[in-house]
Protein backbone atom coordinates (compact mmCIF):
# COMPACT_ATOMS: atom_id res chain seq x y z
CA UNK A 1 42.16 61.31 122.98
CA UNK A 2 42.02 64.28 125.66
CA UNK A 3 41.34 68.10 123.91
CA UNK A 4 45.06 69.32 125.07
CA UNK A 5 46.87 66.12 123.34
CA UNK A 6 44.76 66.64 120.36
CA UNK A 7 46.14 70.77 120.46
CA UNK A 8 49.70 69.96 120.64
CA UNK A 9 49.33 67.15 117.55
CA UNK A 10 47.84 69.55 115.56
CA UNK A 11 50.79 72.14 116.63
CA UNK A 12 53.66 69.59 115.69
CA UNK A 13 51.87 68.78 112.81
CA UNK A 14 51.89 72.49 111.50
CA UNK A 15 55.11 73.11 112.85
CA UNK A 16 56.52 70.13 110.70
CA UNK A 17 54.68 71.80 107.58
CA UNK A 18 56.38 74.95 108.04
CA UNK A 19 59.64 73.63 108.40
CA UNK A 20 59.23 71.30 105.15
CA UNK A 21 57.87 74.51 103.42
CA UNK A 22 61.25 76.50 104.36
CA UNK A 23 63.32 73.79 103.13
CA UNK A 24 61.66 73.23 100.38
CA UNK A 25 62.10 77.16 99.32
CA UNK A 26 66.26 76.89 100.46
CA UNK A 27 66.61 74.47 98.56
CA UNK A 28 65.06 75.77 94.89
CA UNK A 29 66.99 79.24 95.53
CA UNK A 30 69.59 80.34 93.35
CA UNK A 31 72.96 78.70 95.05
CA UNK A 32 75.27 82.25 95.88
CA UNK A 33 77.78 82.75 93.03
CA UNK A 34 81.61 82.74 94.65
CA UNK A 35 83.66 85.05 92.32
CA UNK A 36 85.03 83.98 90.16
CA UNK A 37 89.00 84.87 88.25
CA UNK A 38 90.37 88.24 89.23
CA UNK A 39 86.94 88.53 91.49
CA UNK A 40 87.95 86.05 93.78
CA UNK A 41 91.72 87.00 93.68
CA UNK A 42 90.53 90.23 95.38
CA UNK A 43 88.51 88.40 97.30
CA UNK A 44 91.23 86.86 98.29
CA UNK A 45 93.01 90.10 99.07
CA UNK A 46 90.34 91.75 100.62
CA UNK A 47 90.04 88.32 103.46
CA UNK A 48 94.03 88.58 103.63
CA UNK A 49 94.07 91.78 104.27
CA UNK A 50 91.19 91.91 107.13
CA UNK A 51 92.96 89.23 108.72
CA UNK A 52 96.63 91.33 108.93
CA UNK A 53 97.91 88.92 106.49
CA UNK A 54 98.97 92.04 104.27
CA UNK A 55 101.93 89.84 102.66
CA UNK A 56 99.83 87.65 101.31
CA UNK A 57 97.26 90.45 99.87
CA UNK A 58 100.07 91.88 98.37
CA UNK A 59 100.92 88.27 96.56
CA UNK A 60 96.99 88.37 95.43
CA UNK A 61 96.84 91.90 94.37
CA UNK A 62 100.24 91.36 92.45
CA UNK A 63 98.62 90.10 88.88
CA UNK A 64 95.88 92.32 89.21
CA UNK A 65 97.92 95.38 89.80
CA UNK A 66 99.37 94.62 86.16
CA UNK A 67 96.69 93.03 84.02
CA UNK A 68 96.68 93.92 80.59
CA UNK A 69 94.29 94.99 79.42
CA UNK A 70 92.80 96.12 82.67
CA UNK A 71 90.11 94.85 84.70
CA UNK A 72 87.55 96.59 87.34
CA UNK A 73 89.85 95.20 89.69
CA UNK A 74 93.30 96.92 88.47
CA UNK A 75 93.06 99.96 90.01
CA UNK A 76 91.21 99.10 93.04
CA UNK A 77 94.26 96.12 93.54
CA UNK A 78 97.09 98.84 93.24
CA UNK A 79 95.10 101.25 95.54
CA UNK A 80 95.15 98.70 98.38
CA UNK A 81 98.97 98.11 97.37
CA UNK A 82 99.74 101.90 97.87
CA UNK A 83 97.97 101.45 101.24
CA UNK A 84 100.20 98.28 102.29
CA UNK A 85 103.34 99.56 100.87
CA UNK A 86 102.72 103.05 102.93
CA UNK A 87 102.52 101.00 106.05
CA UNK A 88 105.31 98.68 105.38
CA UNK A 89 107.83 101.76 104.25
CA UNK A 90 106.62 103.81 107.86
CA UNK A 91 106.89 100.92 109.45
CA UNK A 92 110.50 100.02 108.46
CA UNK A 93 111.32 103.35 109.26
CA UNK A 94 109.91 103.24 112.61
CA UNK A 95 111.68 99.91 113.75
CA UNK A 96 115.06 101.30 112.10
CA UNK A 97 115.33 104.58 113.86
CA UNK A 98 114.28 102.60 116.96
CA UNK A 99 117.47 99.75 116.42
CA UNK A 100 119.60 102.46 115.53
CA UNK A 101 118.65 104.54 118.89
CA UNK A 102 119.00 101.09 121.04
CA UNK A 103 122.56 100.72 119.32
CA UNK A 104 123.88 103.82 120.14
CA UNK A 105 122.46 104.12 123.66
CA UNK A 106 123.30 100.59 124.91
CA UNK A 107 126.47 99.60 126.68
CA UNK A 108 125.98 96.08 126.10
CA UNK A 109 128.26 95.15 123.25
CA UNK A 110 126.12 91.96 122.16
CA UNK A 111 122.95 93.87 122.33
CA UNK A 112 124.79 96.29 119.57
CA UNK A 113 125.84 94.11 117.41
CA UNK A 114 122.02 92.71 117.68
CA UNK A 115 120.66 96.07 117.08
CA UNK A 116 122.70 96.98 114.20
CA UNK A 117 121.74 93.51 112.43
CA UNK A 118 117.88 94.42 113.50
CA UNK A 119 118.28 98.02 111.95
CA UNK A 120 120.11 96.92 108.24
CA UNK A 121 117.45 93.99 108.30
CA UNK A 122 114.50 96.22 108.47
CA UNK A 123 115.99 98.54 106.39
CA UNK A 124 116.73 96.19 103.65
CA UNK A 125 112.34 95.71 103.76
CA UNK A 126 111.95 99.11 103.79
CA UNK A 127 113.83 99.70 100.57
CA UNK A 128 112.23 96.89 99.26
CA UNK A 129 108.61 98.05 100.31
CA UNK A 130 109.85 101.83 98.67
CA UNK A 131 110.11 100.23 95.31
CA UNK A 132 107.03 98.46 95.44
CA UNK A 133 105.30 101.97 96.59
CA UNK A 134 106.94 103.52 93.38
CA UNK A 135 106.26 100.76 90.76
CA UNK A 136 102.52 101.03 92.36
CA UNK A 137 102.59 104.61 92.18
CA UNK A 138 104.05 104.64 88.27
CA UNK A 139 100.99 101.92 87.46
CA UNK A 140 98.00 104.04 88.86
CA UNK A 141 99.27 107.48 87.56
CA UNK A 142 100.52 106.31 84.24
CA UNK A 143 100.66 108.92 81.47
CA UNK A 144 99.92 111.66 84.18
CA UNK A 145 96.52 110.81 84.92
CA UNK A 146 94.38 109.42 87.65
CA UNK A 147 90.76 108.91 88.15
CA UNK A 148 89.24 111.69 89.61
CA UNK A 149 87.61 109.00 92.31
CA UNK A 150 89.45 106.19 93.19
CA UNK A 151 87.88 102.87 94.96
CA UNK A 152 89.18 101.63 98.55
CA UNK A 153 87.48 98.42 98.90
CA UNK A 154 89.09 96.24 101.81
CA UNK A 155 87.60 95.54 104.98
CA UNK A 156 89.73 97.08 108.38
CA UNK A 157 91.94 95.09 109.68
CA UNK A 158 90.57 92.50 112.41
CA UNK A 159 93.76 94.01 114.58
CA UNK A 160 94.58 96.98 115.21
CA UNK A 161 97.63 98.28 115.96
CA UNK A 162 98.99 100.07 119.13
CA UNK A 163 99.15 104.11 118.82
CA UNK A 164 102.97 103.03 120.57
CA UNK A 165 104.82 100.14 120.34
CA UNK A 166 106.09 99.95 124.19
CA UNK A 167 108.46 97.43 122.93
CA UNK A 168 110.71 99.90 120.89
CA UNK A 169 110.24 102.44 123.47
CA UNK A 170 112.69 100.43 125.25
CA UNK A 171 114.77 99.79 122.49
CA UNK A 172 115.33 103.67 121.97
CA UNK A 173 116.68 103.77 125.82
CA UNK A 174 119.43 101.16 125.14
CA UNK A 175 117.09 98.41 127.20
CA UNK A 176 117.00 94.30 125.78
CA UNK A 177 114.27 92.72 124.03
CA UNK A 178 113.86 89.27 123.63
CA UNK A 179 113.93 87.78 120.09
CA UNK A 180 109.83 87.09 120.29
CA UNK A 181 109.57 90.68 121.72
CA UNK A 182 111.59 91.68 118.72
CA UNK A 183 108.88 89.67 116.41
CA UNK A 184 105.91 91.10 118.62
CA UNK A 185 107.31 94.82 117.97
CA UNK A 186 107.59 94.14 113.41
CA UNK A 187 103.91 92.87 113.45
CA UNK A 188 102.67 96.12 115.70
CA UNK A 189 104.67 98.27 114.02
CA UNK A 190 102.99 96.94 110.89
CA UNK A 191 99.56 97.02 112.25
CA UNK A 192 99.92 100.55 113.29
CA UNK A 193 101.35 101.46 109.87
CA UNK A 194 98.50 100.02 108.13
CA UNK A 195 96.14 101.77 110.66
CA UNK A 196 97.54 105.20 109.67
CA UNK A 197 98.12 104.73 105.84
CA UNK A 198 94.37 103.92 106.14
CA UNK A 199 93.60 107.09 108.09
CA UNK A 200 95.94 109.03 105.53
CA UNK A 201 94.12 107.38 102.31
CA UNK A 202 90.84 108.84 103.74
CA UNK A 203 91.93 112.31 104.48
CA UNK A 204 91.66 111.53 108.77
CA UNK A 205 92.11 109.60 111.73
CA UNK A 206 91.30 105.93 112.45
CA UNK A 207 87.99 106.41 113.84
CA UNK A 208 86.89 107.95 109.97
CA UNK A 209 88.72 105.11 108.60
CA UNK A 210 87.44 102.32 110.39
CA UNK A 211 83.90 104.01 109.68
CA UNK A 212 84.71 104.66 106.23
CA UNK A 213 85.26 101.36 105.68
CA UNK A 214 82.51 99.54 107.76
CA UNK A 215 80.71 98.33 104.96
CA UNK A 216 83.77 97.25 103.17
CA UNK A 217 84.14 99.94 100.70
CA UNK A 218 84.64 104.01 100.30
CA UNK A 219 85.17 106.15 97.91
CA UNK A 220 88.42 108.80 97.98
CA UNK A 221 89.69 111.90 96.19
CA UNK A 222 91.63 111.07 93.32
CA UNK A 223 94.16 114.78 93.87
CA UNK A 224 94.04 113.47 97.26
CA UNK A 225 95.05 110.55 97.09
CA UNK A 226 97.74 111.40 94.57
CA UNK A 227 99.10 113.95 96.92
CA UNK A 228 99.18 111.42 99.96
CA UNK A 229 101.07 109.08 97.17
CA UNK A 230 103.59 111.25 96.59
CA UNK A 231 103.77 112.38 100.20
CA UNK A 232 104.17 108.67 101.07
CA UNK A 233 106.78 108.43 98.10
CA UNK A 234 109.31 110.87 99.49
CA UNK A 235 108.84 109.13 103.07
CA UNK A 236 110.54 105.94 100.99
CA UNK A 237 113.24 107.83 99.32
CA UNK A 238 114.71 109.01 102.29
CA UNK A 239 115.46 105.53 103.58
CA UNK A 240 118.32 105.34 100.22
CA UNK A 241 120.02 108.60 101.02
CA UNK A 242 123.82 109.09 101.86
CA UNK A 243 122.76 108.58 106.03
CA UNK A 244 120.72 105.34 105.20
CA UNK A 245 121.05 103.16 102.29
CA UNK A 246 123.20 105.27 100.83
CA UNK A 247 121.55 104.27 97.10
CA UNK A 248 121.81 107.23 95.09
CA UNK A 249 119.96 105.55 91.85
CA UNK A 250 117.23 104.11 93.60
CA UNK A 251 116.49 107.49 95.92
CA UNK A 252 116.07 109.42 92.16
CA UNK A 253 113.70 106.76 90.82
CA UNK A 254 111.37 106.94 93.80
CA UNK A 255 111.87 111.31 93.66
CA UNK A 256 110.81 110.77 89.90
CA UNK A 257 107.32 108.70 90.85
CA UNK A 258 106.66 111.55 93.58
CA UNK A 259 107.54 113.87 91.10
CA UNK A 260 105.03 112.10 88.83
CA UNK A 261 102.48 112.69 90.96
CA UNK A 262 103.11 116.21 91.22
CA UNK A 263 102.57 116.51 87.76
CA UNK A 264 99.55 114.29 87.97
CA UNK A 265 98.26 116.56 91.27
CA UNK A 266 99.09 119.97 88.74
CA UNK A 267 96.76 118.31 85.81
CA UNK A 268 93.85 118.03 88.01
CA UNK A 269 94.30 121.10 89.82
CA UNK A 270 94.27 122.52 86.34
CA UNK A 271 91.05 121.69 85.83
CA UNK A 272 89.12 122.45 89.50
CA UNK A 273 92.14 124.88 90.93
CA UNK A 274 91.93 124.87 94.98
CA UNK A 275 94.36 127.24 96.75
CA UNK A 276 94.68 124.76 99.72
CA UNK A 277 95.43 122.12 97.41
CA UNK A 278 98.03 123.97 95.18
CA UNK A 279 99.65 124.61 98.36
CA UNK A 280 99.94 121.15 99.43
CA UNK A 281 101.42 120.32 95.84
CA UNK A 282 103.86 123.17 95.92
CA UNK A 283 105.44 121.82 99.65
CA UNK A 284 105.17 118.18 98.17
CA UNK A 285 107.64 119.82 94.92
CA UNK A 286 109.86 121.64 97.99
CA UNK A 287 110.26 118.40 99.96
CA UNK A 288 111.11 115.65 96.87
CA UNK A 289 113.85 118.65 95.83
CA UNK A 290 115.78 118.62 99.47
CA UNK A 291 115.86 115.11 99.41
CA UNK A 292 117.47 114.75 95.92
CA UNK A 293 119.69 116.96 97.82
CA UNK A 294 120.91 114.28 99.97
CA UNK A 295 122.46 112.00 97.40
């Protein structure tokens, strides 16, 4: 046999042996354990969050957030839910304002009626989200206590929201957008809300939030998040005022949770005084009192 052919045959034999050895090593390696129980639910919640399926993420974290006794996933589920509810409140608020403005500006009676319906529907959704946020705040800050360090564990959503929803700007001018554009505007608005909520939770902008969650998890200061949560509760409470939902009982209930955030923050500040944070808490307390005047 020619020398070249012998060398090629030898190479093939060595390659076969290497591949066989690799297959043996892989077959003997311990299989990767998939999470079970609460861990599996939280993994599903993270997967849904990354896919911009925030409704499904709330479903998977519902039981985790109320678990008794608490598990290692309870607190982080509450943090994630607070971010999602914050985004929903902000999104619905923007939609309500856009459709209310559109109804005022349009001269077409059909457009006006449709925009008033959309305003009503989004207001209802926003109020539901505000109550969800209040419930989550109550769970996280129960007893006036919060961890000094919290974990926000979630991948950054795969679809980033726009800085401005173009269709809603058209609506504000009294222009008409078709139902498919109405649906798209709602999706864009929610994605925008989630991006902004993540930015607020980490105390920065979208770029900072994306960097912080590059590994799938980040640590956030408990005091900062408590102040953030209190401010978002005030935004949610406004959906129940006389000009919006006109529900004083629920407005007061949401404001009570915001006041709970103030008390929790004040407790942390007694342990570690910070003049700047004290001003932020005082401003939050003033905003709560102002909101309560709109009952």
